[in-house]
């Protein structure tokens, strides 16, 4: 089996991870941090906004089941790529919209995806597109957060609607 990785940030990593854990062909979705200057960051330091890191999710997927372009199509549907350093009430550079690419092929596909997605937004897409930096997995208590804390307020108000949107929009991609 072939595996590829995608590294995406679109606000709180709990939201992104919860959706991609439900995508057919995704082998793993790991919450973490990337893109900053602080080595081995932790949640508290990243939340301070001083590390330069974004909350991201490293997605490992089978390209024979789901293509990178489809991973990005879902990405555009589950967050607002037109708000700079913010998703809903979550504000700061750690919540920026970002696509980190692993090679020139991913970069080209991401550029094409951004151009195609722009047609669906009236405001300009401000998603950062950069080479993949070092990925630091988040603390264990952040992994699979939604499924382990489904009744928590943030999960009900912020994450659950994103999952519902994914499941109604991408029925054929549900695992």
N, C-alpha and C. Protein backbone atom coordinates (compact mmCIF):
# COMPACT_ATOMS: atom_id res chain seq x y z
N UNK A 1 0.83 -1.19 0.00
CA UNK A 1 0.00 0.00 0.00
C UNK A 1 0.88 1.25 0.00
N UNK A 2 0.50 2.19 -0.82
CA UNK A 2 1.20 3.45 -0.91
C UNK A 2 0.63 4.41 0.13
N UNK A 3 1.49 5.23 0.71
CA UNK A 3 1.03 6.25 1.64
C UNK A 3 1.61 7.59 1.24
N UNK A 4 0.81 8.62 1.44
CA UNK A 4 1.27 10.00 1.29
C UNK A 4 0.87 10.76 2.53
N UNK A 5 1.45 11.94 2.69
CA UNK A 5 1.11 12.79 3.81
C UNK A 5 0.66 14.16 3.31
N UNK A 6 -0.24 14.76 4.06
CA UNK A 6 -0.64 16.15 3.86
C UNK A 6 -0.48 16.81 5.23
N UNK A 7 -0.12 18.08 5.23
CA UNK A 7 0.04 18.82 6.47
C UNK A 7 -0.75 20.12 6.34
N UNK A 8 -1.86 20.20 7.10
CA UNK A 8 -2.81 21.30 6.93
C UNK A 8 -3.14 21.96 8.26
N UNK A 9 -3.34 23.27 8.21
CA UNK A 9 -3.83 24.01 9.36
C UNK A 9 -5.02 24.85 8.93
N UNK A 10 -6.07 24.78 9.73
CA UNK A 10 -7.28 25.54 9.41
C UNK A 10 -8.02 25.90 10.69
N UNK A 11 -7.34 26.59 11.60
CA UNK A 11 -7.93 26.90 12.89
C UNK A 11 -7.51 25.85 13.90
N UNK A 12 -8.38 25.59 14.84
CA UNK A 12 -8.10 24.62 15.91
C UNK A 12 -7.87 23.24 15.31
N UNK A 13 -6.77 22.61 15.71
CA UNK A 13 -6.46 21.29 15.13
C UNK A 13 -7.48 20.23 15.50
N UNK A 14 -8.20 20.40 16.59
CA UNK A 14 -9.23 19.41 16.93
C UNK A 14 -10.27 19.29 15.83
N UNK A 15 -10.62 20.42 15.21
CA UNK A 15 -11.64 20.43 14.15
C UNK A 15 -11.16 19.69 12.91
N UNK A 16 -9.97 20.03 12.47
CA UNK A 16 -9.41 19.42 11.25
C UNK A 16 -9.23 17.91 11.46
N UNK A 17 -8.64 17.55 12.60
CA UNK A 17 -8.39 16.14 12.89
C UNK A 17 -9.70 15.34 12.93
N UNK A 18 -10.72 15.88 13.59
CA UNK A 18 -11.99 15.17 13.74
C UNK A 18 -12.62 14.85 12.39
N UNK A 19 -12.52 15.78 11.45
CA UNK A 19 -13.08 15.54 10.12
C UNK A 19 -12.25 14.49 9.38
N UNK A 20 -10.93 14.67 9.31
CA UNK A 20 -10.11 13.76 8.52
C UNK A 20 -10.08 12.34 9.08
N UNK A 21 -10.34 12.16 10.36
CA UNK A 21 -10.43 10.81 10.93
C UNK A 21 -11.63 10.06 10.34
N UNK A 22 -12.54 10.78 9.71
CA UNK A 22 -13.76 10.18 9.16
C UNK A 22 -13.70 10.02 7.64
N UNK A 23 -12.55 10.30 7.04
CA UNK A 23 -12.41 10.27 5.59
C UNK A 23 -11.88 8.91 5.13
N UNK A 24 -12.59 8.33 4.18
CA UNK A 24 -12.17 7.05 3.59
C UNK A 24 -10.79 7.22 2.96
N UNK A 25 -9.89 6.32 3.29
CA UNK A 25 -8.53 6.36 2.75
C UNK A 25 -7.53 7.05 3.65
N UNK A 26 -8.00 7.74 4.69
CA UNK A 26 -7.09 8.37 5.64
C UNK A 26 -6.69 7.33 6.68
N UNK A 27 -5.41 7.11 6.81
CA UNK A 27 -4.88 6.11 7.74
C UNK A 27 -4.68 6.71 9.13
N UNK A 28 -4.29 7.99 9.19
CA UNK A 28 -4.14 8.65 10.48
C UNK A 28 -4.25 10.15 10.29
N UNK A 29 -4.68 10.81 11.36
CA UNK A 29 -4.73 12.27 11.43
C UNK A 29 -4.20 12.63 12.81
N UNK A 30 -3.06 13.31 12.84
CA UNK A 30 -2.37 13.60 14.09
C UNK A 30 -2.30 15.11 14.28
N UNK A 31 -2.84 15.58 15.40
CA UNK A 31 -2.76 17.00 15.73
C UNK A 31 -1.34 17.36 16.16
N UNK A 32 -0.91 18.57 15.77
CA UNK A 32 0.43 18.99 16.15
C UNK A 32 0.69 20.43 15.80
N UNK A 33 1.97 20.76 15.75
CA UNK A 33 2.41 22.13 15.54
C UNK A 33 3.48 22.15 14.45
N UNK A 34 3.48 23.23 13.66
CA UNK A 34 4.49 23.36 12.60
C UNK A 34 4.57 24.81 12.17
N UNK A 35 5.71 25.14 11.59
CA UNK A 35 5.87 26.44 10.94
C UNK A 35 6.48 27.54 11.78
N UNK A 36 6.88 27.22 13.00
CA UNK A 36 7.45 28.25 13.87
C UNK A 36 8.93 28.07 14.09
N UNK A 37 9.45 28.94 14.94
CA UNK A 37 10.89 28.93 15.20
C UNK A 37 11.26 28.23 16.51
N UNK A 38 10.29 27.91 17.34
CA UNK A 38 10.57 27.30 18.64
C UNK A 38 10.63 25.78 18.51
N UNK A 39 11.78 25.17 18.87
CA UNK A 39 11.85 23.71 18.80
C UNK A 39 11.02 23.07 19.92
N UNK A 40 10.46 21.90 19.63
CA UNK A 40 9.67 21.13 20.59
C UNK A 40 8.63 21.97 21.33
N UNK A 41 7.74 22.63 20.59
CA UNK A 41 6.74 23.47 21.25
C UNK A 41 5.71 22.65 22.00
N UNK A 42 5.05 23.29 22.95
CA UNK A 42 3.93 22.66 23.63
C UNK A 42 2.71 23.56 23.46
N UNK A 43 1.56 23.04 23.88
CA UNK A 43 0.30 23.75 23.67
C UNK A 43 0.31 25.14 24.29
N UNK A 44 0.78 25.25 25.50
CA UNK A 44 0.79 26.54 26.20
C UNK A 44 1.63 27.57 25.43
N UNK A 45 2.80 27.17 24.97
CA UNK A 45 3.66 28.12 24.26
C UNK A 45 3.07 28.49 22.90
N UNK A 46 2.48 27.53 22.20
CA UNK A 46 1.87 27.82 20.90
C UNK A 46 0.68 28.76 21.08
N UNK A 47 -0.13 28.53 22.11
CA UNK A 47 -1.28 29.41 22.38
C UNK A 47 -0.87 30.83 22.73
N UNK A 48 0.36 31.01 23.19
CA UNK A 48 0.83 32.36 23.53
C UNK A 48 1.01 33.21 22.28
N UNK A 49 1.10 32.54 21.12
CA UNK A 49 1.28 33.26 19.86
C UNK A 49 2.71 33.72 19.61
N UNK A 50 3.65 33.29 20.43
CA UNK A 50 5.03 33.77 20.30
C UNK A 50 5.98 32.78 19.63
N UNK A 51 5.50 31.57 19.32
CA UNK A 51 6.38 30.54 18.77
C UNK A 51 6.44 30.55 17.24
N UNK A 52 5.45 31.18 16.62
CA UNK A 52 5.35 31.15 15.16
C UNK A 52 4.69 29.90 14.62
N UNK A 53 4.44 28.92 15.48
CA UNK A 53 3.82 27.67 15.04
C UNK A 53 2.32 27.84 14.80
N UNK A 54 1.80 27.04 13.88
CA UNK A 54 0.36 26.93 13.65
C UNK A 54 -0.09 25.58 14.20
N UNK A 55 -1.34 25.53 14.64
CA UNK A 55 -1.95 24.24 14.96
C UNK A 55 -2.25 23.58 13.61
N UNK A 56 -1.73 22.37 13.42
CA UNK A 56 -1.87 21.67 12.15
C UNK A 56 -2.24 20.21 12.39
N UNK A 57 -2.59 19.54 11.32
CA UNK A 57 -2.85 18.10 11.37
C UNK A 57 -2.05 17.43 10.27
N UNK A 58 -1.29 16.41 10.66
CA UNK A 58 -0.56 15.60 9.70
C UNK A 58 -1.47 14.43 9.32
N UNK A 59 -1.83 14.41 8.05
CA UNK A 59 -2.77 13.41 7.53
C UNK A 59 -1.99 12.41 6.69
N UNK A 60 -2.07 11.14 7.07
CA UNK A 60 -1.46 10.07 6.27
C UNK A 60 -2.60 9.37 5.56
N UNK A 61 -2.47 9.27 4.23
CA UNK A 61 -3.58 8.73 3.44
C UNK A 61 -3.08 7.83 2.32
N UNK A 62 -4.01 7.01 1.83
CA UNK A 62 -3.75 6.09 0.73
C UNK A 62 -4.21 6.78 -0.56
N UNK A 63 -3.27 7.21 -1.42
CA UNK A 63 -3.66 7.94 -2.64
C UNK A 63 -4.42 7.09 -3.65
N UNK A 64 -4.46 5.76 -3.44
CA UNK A 64 -5.27 4.90 -4.30
C UNK A 64 -6.74 4.97 -3.90
N UNK A 65 -7.01 5.47 -2.69
CA UNK A 65 -8.38 5.59 -2.19
C UNK A 65 -8.85 7.04 -2.24
N UNK A 66 -7.99 7.96 -1.84
CA UNK A 66 -8.33 9.38 -1.87
C UNK A 66 -7.10 10.16 -2.35
N UNK A 67 -7.33 11.01 -3.33
CA UNK A 67 -6.24 11.79 -3.90
C UNK A 67 -5.96 13.04 -3.07
N UNK A 68 -4.75 13.56 -3.17
CA UNK A 68 -4.36 14.79 -2.47
C UNK A 68 -5.33 15.93 -2.80
N UNK A 69 -5.74 16.01 -4.06
CA UNK A 69 -6.68 17.06 -4.47
C UNK A 69 -8.00 16.96 -3.70
N UNK A 70 -8.43 15.73 -3.42
CA UNK A 70 -9.67 15.54 -2.65
C UNK A 70 -9.48 15.90 -1.18
N UNK A 71 -8.29 15.62 -0.66
CA UNK A 71 -7.96 16.06 0.71
C UNK A 71 -8.12 17.58 0.79
N UNK A 72 -7.62 18.29 -0.22
CA UNK A 72 -7.71 19.75 -0.23
C UNK A 72 -9.15 20.23 -0.46
N UNK A 73 -9.91 19.52 -1.26
CA UNK A 73 -11.31 19.89 -1.49
C UNK A 73 -12.09 19.87 -0.16
N UNK A 74 -11.82 18.88 0.65
CA UNK A 74 -12.46 18.80 1.98
C UNK A 74 -11.97 19.96 2.85
N UNK A 75 -10.70 20.25 2.79
CA UNK A 75 -10.09 21.35 3.56
C UNK A 75 -10.83 22.67 3.32
N UNK A 76 -11.10 22.99 2.05
CA UNK A 76 -11.79 24.25 1.74
C UNK A 76 -13.20 24.28 2.31
N UNK A 77 -13.83 23.12 2.41
CA UNK A 77 -15.22 23.06 2.86
C UNK A 77 -15.37 23.16 4.38
N UNK A 78 -14.31 22.85 5.13
CA UNK A 78 -14.46 22.76 6.59
C UNK A 78 -13.84 23.92 7.36
N UNK A 79 -13.32 24.92 6.65
CA UNK A 79 -12.83 26.11 7.36
C UNK A 79 -12.97 27.30 6.42
N UNK A 80 -12.76 28.49 6.97
CA UNK A 80 -12.84 29.72 6.18
C UNK A 80 -11.43 30.19 5.84
N UNK A 81 -10.98 29.96 4.60
CA UNK A 81 -9.62 30.33 4.23
C UNK A 81 -9.46 31.82 3.91
N UNK A 82 -10.50 32.60 4.13
CA UNK A 82 -10.44 34.04 3.81
C UNK A 82 -10.21 34.90 5.05
N UNK A 83 -10.12 34.28 6.23
CA UNK A 83 -9.87 35.07 7.44
C UNK A 83 -8.43 34.87 7.87
N UNK A 84 -7.70 35.96 8.01
CA UNK A 84 -6.28 35.90 8.34
C UNK A 84 -6.10 35.65 9.84
N UNK A 85 -5.40 34.58 10.16
CA UNK A 85 -5.06 34.27 11.55
C UNK A 85 -6.28 34.15 12.46
N UNK A 86 -7.35 33.58 11.92
CA UNK A 86 -8.57 33.44 12.72
C UNK A 86 -9.49 32.41 12.10
N UNK A 87 -10.14 31.64 12.97
CA UNK A 87 -11.26 30.78 12.60
C UNK A 87 -12.28 30.94 13.71
N UNK A 88 -13.38 31.57 13.40
CA UNK A 88 -14.40 31.82 14.41
C UNK A 88 -13.83 32.65 15.54
N UNK A 89 -14.01 32.18 16.77
CA UNK A 89 -13.52 32.90 17.95
C UNK A 89 -12.05 32.62 18.23
N UNK A 90 -11.45 31.66 17.52
CA UNK A 90 -10.04 31.35 17.72
C UNK A 90 -9.20 32.32 16.90
N UNK A 91 -8.44 33.18 17.59
CA UNK A 91 -7.64 34.18 16.89
C UNK A 91 -6.17 34.06 17.26
N UNK A 92 -5.33 34.43 16.32
CA UNK A 92 -3.89 34.39 16.50
C UNK A 92 -3.24 33.65 15.35
N UNK A 93 -1.95 33.88 15.17
CA UNK A 93 -1.23 33.25 14.05
C UNK A 93 -1.25 31.73 14.16
N UNK A 94 -1.43 31.20 15.38
CA UNK A 94 -1.46 29.74 15.54
C UNK A 94 -2.70 29.12 14.91
N UNK A 95 -3.68 29.96 14.55
CA UNK A 95 -4.92 29.46 13.92
C UNK A 95 -4.98 29.79 12.43
N UNK A 96 -3.84 30.12 11.85
CA UNK A 96 -3.83 30.50 10.44
C UNK A 96 -4.20 29.33 9.53
N UNK A 97 -4.72 29.69 8.37
CA UNK A 97 -4.99 28.71 7.32
C UNK A 97 -3.69 28.48 6.57
N UNK A 98 -3.26 27.21 6.50
CA UNK A 98 -1.98 26.91 5.88
C UNK A 98 -1.98 25.53 5.25
N UNK A 99 -1.34 25.46 4.09
CA UNK A 99 -1.05 24.19 3.43
C UNK A 99 0.47 24.09 3.36
N UNK A 100 1.01 23.09 4.02
CA UNK A 100 2.44 22.81 3.92
C UNK A 100 2.59 21.67 2.92
N UNK A 101 3.44 21.85 1.92
CA UNK A 101 3.61 20.83 0.88
C UNK A 101 4.94 20.10 1.06
N UNK A 102 4.93 18.82 0.68
CA UNK A 102 6.12 17.97 0.84
C UNK A 102 6.98 17.89 -0.41
N UNK A 103 6.44 18.27 -1.56
CA UNK A 103 7.23 18.23 -2.80
C UNK A 103 6.60 19.18 -3.82
N UNK A 104 7.26 19.33 -4.94
CA UNK A 104 6.78 20.25 -5.97
C UNK A 104 5.45 19.82 -6.57
N UNK A 105 5.21 18.52 -6.60
CA UNK A 105 3.93 18.01 -7.10
C UNK A 105 2.79 18.48 -6.19
N UNK A 106 2.98 18.33 -4.88
CA UNK A 106 1.96 18.82 -3.95
C UNK A 106 1.81 20.33 -4.04
N UNK A 107 2.90 21.04 -4.22
CA UNK A 107 2.83 22.50 -4.33
C UNK A 107 1.96 22.90 -5.52
N UNK A 108 2.19 22.27 -6.67
CA UNK A 108 1.42 22.58 -7.87
C UNK A 108 -0.05 22.26 -7.68
N UNK A 109 -0.33 21.09 -7.10
CA UNK A 109 -1.73 20.71 -6.85
C UNK A 109 -2.39 21.67 -5.87
N UNK A 110 -1.65 22.13 -4.88
CA UNK A 110 -2.19 23.08 -3.91
C UNK A 110 -2.46 24.43 -4.58
N UNK A 111 -1.54 24.89 -5.42
CA UNK A 111 -1.76 26.15 -6.15
C UNK A 111 -3.02 26.06 -7.01
N UNK A 112 -3.17 24.95 -7.72
CA UNK A 112 -4.36 24.75 -8.56
C UNK A 112 -5.63 24.69 -7.70
N UNK A 113 -5.52 24.04 -6.55
CA UNK A 113 -6.65 23.92 -5.65
C UNK A 113 -7.07 25.28 -5.09
N UNK A 114 -6.10 26.09 -4.72
CA UNK A 114 -6.39 27.44 -4.23
C UNK A 114 -7.12 28.23 -5.30
N UNK A 115 -6.61 28.18 -6.53
CA UNK A 115 -7.24 28.91 -7.63
C UNK A 115 -8.67 28.43 -7.86
N UNK A 116 -8.89 27.13 -7.81
CA UNK A 116 -10.23 26.58 -8.00
C UNK A 116 -11.16 26.92 -6.86
N UNK A 117 -10.65 26.89 -5.64
CA UNK A 117 -11.47 27.18 -4.46
C UNK A 117 -11.87 28.65 -4.42
N UNK A 118 -11.03 29.52 -4.94
CA UNK A 118 -11.31 30.96 -4.88
C UNK A 118 -12.66 31.29 -5.50
N UNK A 119 -13.07 30.53 -6.50
CA UNK A 119 -14.36 30.76 -7.16
C UNK A 119 -15.54 30.65 -6.19
N UNK A 120 -15.33 29.96 -5.06
CA UNK A 120 -16.42 29.73 -4.10
C UNK A 120 -16.43 30.72 -2.94
N UNK A 121 -15.48 31.66 -2.95
CA UNK A 121 -15.39 32.64 -1.87
C UNK A 121 -15.38 34.05 -2.46
N UNK A 122 -16.16 34.95 -1.84
CA UNK A 122 -16.19 36.33 -2.34
C UNK A 122 -14.95 37.10 -1.89
N UNK A 123 -14.40 36.77 -0.72
CA UNK A 123 -13.17 37.41 -0.24
C UNK A 123 -11.96 36.60 -0.70
N UNK A 124 -10.81 37.24 -0.80
CA UNK A 124 -9.62 36.51 -1.23
C UNK A 124 -9.19 35.43 -0.23
N UNK A 125 -8.74 34.32 -0.75
CA UNK A 125 -8.17 33.26 0.09
C UNK A 125 -6.81 33.75 0.58
N UNK A 126 -6.59 33.63 1.90
CA UNK A 126 -5.33 34.09 2.51
C UNK A 126 -4.50 32.91 3.04
N UNK A 127 -4.82 31.71 2.60
CA UNK A 127 -4.12 30.51 3.06
C UNK A 127 -2.65 30.58 2.68
N UNK A 128 -1.81 30.37 3.68
CA UNK A 128 -0.36 30.31 3.46
C UNK A 128 -0.04 29.00 2.73
N UNK A 129 0.87 29.07 1.78
CA UNK A 129 1.37 27.89 1.08
C UNK A 129 2.88 27.88 1.22
N UNK A 130 3.41 26.90 1.95
CA UNK A 130 4.84 26.86 2.26
C UNK A 130 5.35 25.43 2.26
N UNK A 131 6.68 25.26 2.08
CA UNK A 131 7.26 23.93 2.20
C UNK A 131 7.03 23.37 3.60
N UNK A 132 6.85 22.07 3.68
CA UNK A 132 6.59 21.43 4.98
C UNK A 132 7.80 21.60 5.90
N UNK A 133 7.57 22.18 7.07
CA UNK A 133 8.63 22.29 8.08
C UNK A 133 8.61 21.05 8.98
N UNK A 134 9.37 21.08 10.03
CA UNK A 134 9.33 20.01 11.02
C UNK A 134 7.93 19.99 11.64
N UNK A 135 7.38 18.79 11.76
CA UNK A 135 6.07 18.61 12.40
C UNK A 135 6.30 18.07 13.81
N UNK A 136 5.68 18.72 14.78
CA UNK A 136 5.76 18.30 16.18
C UNK A 136 4.39 17.81 16.62
N UNK A 137 4.22 16.51 16.88
CA UNK A 137 2.92 16.04 17.37
C UNK A 137 2.55 16.75 18.67
N UNK A 138 1.28 17.05 18.82
CA UNK A 138 0.79 17.67 20.04
C UNK A 138 0.74 16.63 21.16
N UNK A 139 0.52 17.13 22.35
CA UNK A 139 0.42 16.28 23.52
C UNK A 139 -0.68 15.24 23.32
N UNK A 140 -0.55 14.11 24.01
CA UNK A 140 -1.49 13.00 23.85
C UNK A 140 -2.94 13.42 24.07
N UNK A 141 -3.20 14.30 25.03
CA UNK A 141 -4.58 14.66 25.33
C UNK A 141 -5.25 15.45 24.20
N UNK A 142 -4.49 15.90 23.21
CA UNK A 142 -5.07 16.58 22.05
C UNK A 142 -5.45 15.60 20.94
N UNK A 143 -4.92 14.39 20.98
CA UNK A 143 -5.17 13.42 19.91
C UNK A 143 -6.57 12.83 20.05
N UNK A 144 -7.28 12.78 18.92
CA UNK A 144 -8.64 12.23 18.89
C UNK A 144 -9.54 12.95 19.91
N UNK A 145 -9.31 14.24 20.06
CA UNK A 145 -9.98 15.03 21.10
C UNK A 145 -11.50 14.98 20.99
N UNK A 146 -12.01 15.16 19.79
CA UNK A 146 -13.46 15.19 19.63
C UNK A 146 -14.12 13.88 20.08
N UNK A 147 -13.61 12.77 19.60
CA UNK A 147 -14.23 11.49 19.93
C UNK A 147 -14.13 11.16 21.41
N UNK A 148 -13.12 11.67 22.08
CA UNK A 148 -12.95 11.41 23.51
C UNK A 148 -13.68 12.43 24.39
N UNK A 149 -14.15 13.53 23.78
CA UNK A 149 -14.79 14.61 24.54
C UNK A 149 -16.04 15.13 23.84
N UNK A 150 -16.80 14.26 23.23
CA UNK A 150 -17.92 14.64 22.38
C UNK A 150 -18.91 15.58 23.06
N UNK A 151 -19.13 15.44 24.34
CA UNK A 151 -20.13 16.26 25.03
C UNK A 151 -19.60 17.60 25.51
N UNK A 152 -18.31 17.83 25.36
CA UNK A 152 -17.72 19.10 25.77
C UNK A 152 -18.29 20.23 24.90
N UNK A 153 -18.49 21.41 25.46
CA UNK A 153 -19.13 22.53 24.77
C UNK A 153 -18.50 22.88 23.43
N UNK A 154 -17.17 23.04 23.39
CA UNK A 154 -16.49 23.40 22.14
C UNK A 154 -16.73 22.33 21.08
N UNK A 155 -16.71 21.08 21.50
CA UNK A 155 -16.94 19.98 20.56
C UNK A 155 -18.33 20.07 19.95
N UNK A 156 -19.33 20.35 20.77
CA UNK A 156 -20.71 20.43 20.30
C UNK A 156 -20.96 21.65 19.42
N UNK A 157 -20.41 22.79 19.81
CA UNK A 157 -20.71 24.05 19.13
C UNK A 157 -19.84 24.29 17.91
N UNK A 158 -18.57 23.89 17.96
CA UNK A 158 -17.64 24.22 16.87
C UNK A 158 -17.29 23.01 16.00
N UNK A 159 -16.94 21.90 16.62
CA UNK A 159 -16.46 20.75 15.85
C UNK A 159 -17.60 19.96 15.20
N UNK A 160 -18.65 19.68 15.96
CA UNK A 160 -19.76 18.85 15.43
C UNK A 160 -20.35 19.42 14.14
N UNK A 161 -20.56 20.74 14.03
CA UNK A 161 -21.10 21.26 12.77
C UNK A 161 -20.16 21.03 11.58
N UNK A 162 -18.85 21.07 11.81
CA UNK A 162 -17.90 20.82 10.72
C UNK A 162 -17.98 19.36 10.27
N UNK A 163 -18.12 18.47 11.24
CA UNK A 163 -18.26 17.04 10.91
C UNK A 163 -19.56 16.83 10.13
N UNK A 164 -20.65 17.43 10.59
CA UNK A 164 -21.92 17.29 9.88
C UNK A 164 -21.82 17.83 8.45
N UNK A 165 -21.15 18.96 8.29
CA UNK A 165 -20.99 19.54 6.95
C UNK A 165 -20.21 18.58 6.06
N UNK A 166 -19.11 18.04 6.58
CA UNK A 166 -18.33 17.08 5.81
C UNK A 166 -19.20 15.89 5.41
N UNK A 167 -19.94 15.35 6.37
CA UNK A 167 -20.71 14.13 6.11
C UNK A 167 -21.87 14.37 5.14
N UNK A 168 -22.42 15.56 5.12
CA UNK A 168 -23.51 15.83 4.18
C UNK A 168 -22.97 16.22 2.80
N UNK A 169 -21.81 16.84 2.75
CA UNK A 169 -21.25 17.30 1.47
C UNK A 169 -20.45 16.22 0.76
N UNK A 170 -19.81 15.34 1.52
CA UNK A 170 -18.89 14.34 0.95
C UNK A 170 -19.31 12.93 1.33
N UNK A 171 -20.57 12.59 1.12
CA UNK A 171 -21.09 11.28 1.53
C UNK A 171 -20.24 10.11 1.03
N UNK A 172 -19.77 10.22 -0.20
CA UNK A 172 -19.00 9.12 -0.79
C UNK A 172 -17.59 8.99 -0.22
N UNK A 173 -17.17 9.95 0.60
CA UNK A 173 -15.82 9.92 1.16
C UNK A 173 -15.81 9.56 2.65
N UNK A 174 -16.97 9.21 3.20
CA UNK A 174 -17.04 8.86 4.62
C UNK A 174 -16.49 7.46 4.84
N UNK A 175 -15.61 7.35 5.81
CA UNK A 175 -15.00 6.03 6.13
C UNK A 175 -16.02 5.13 6.81
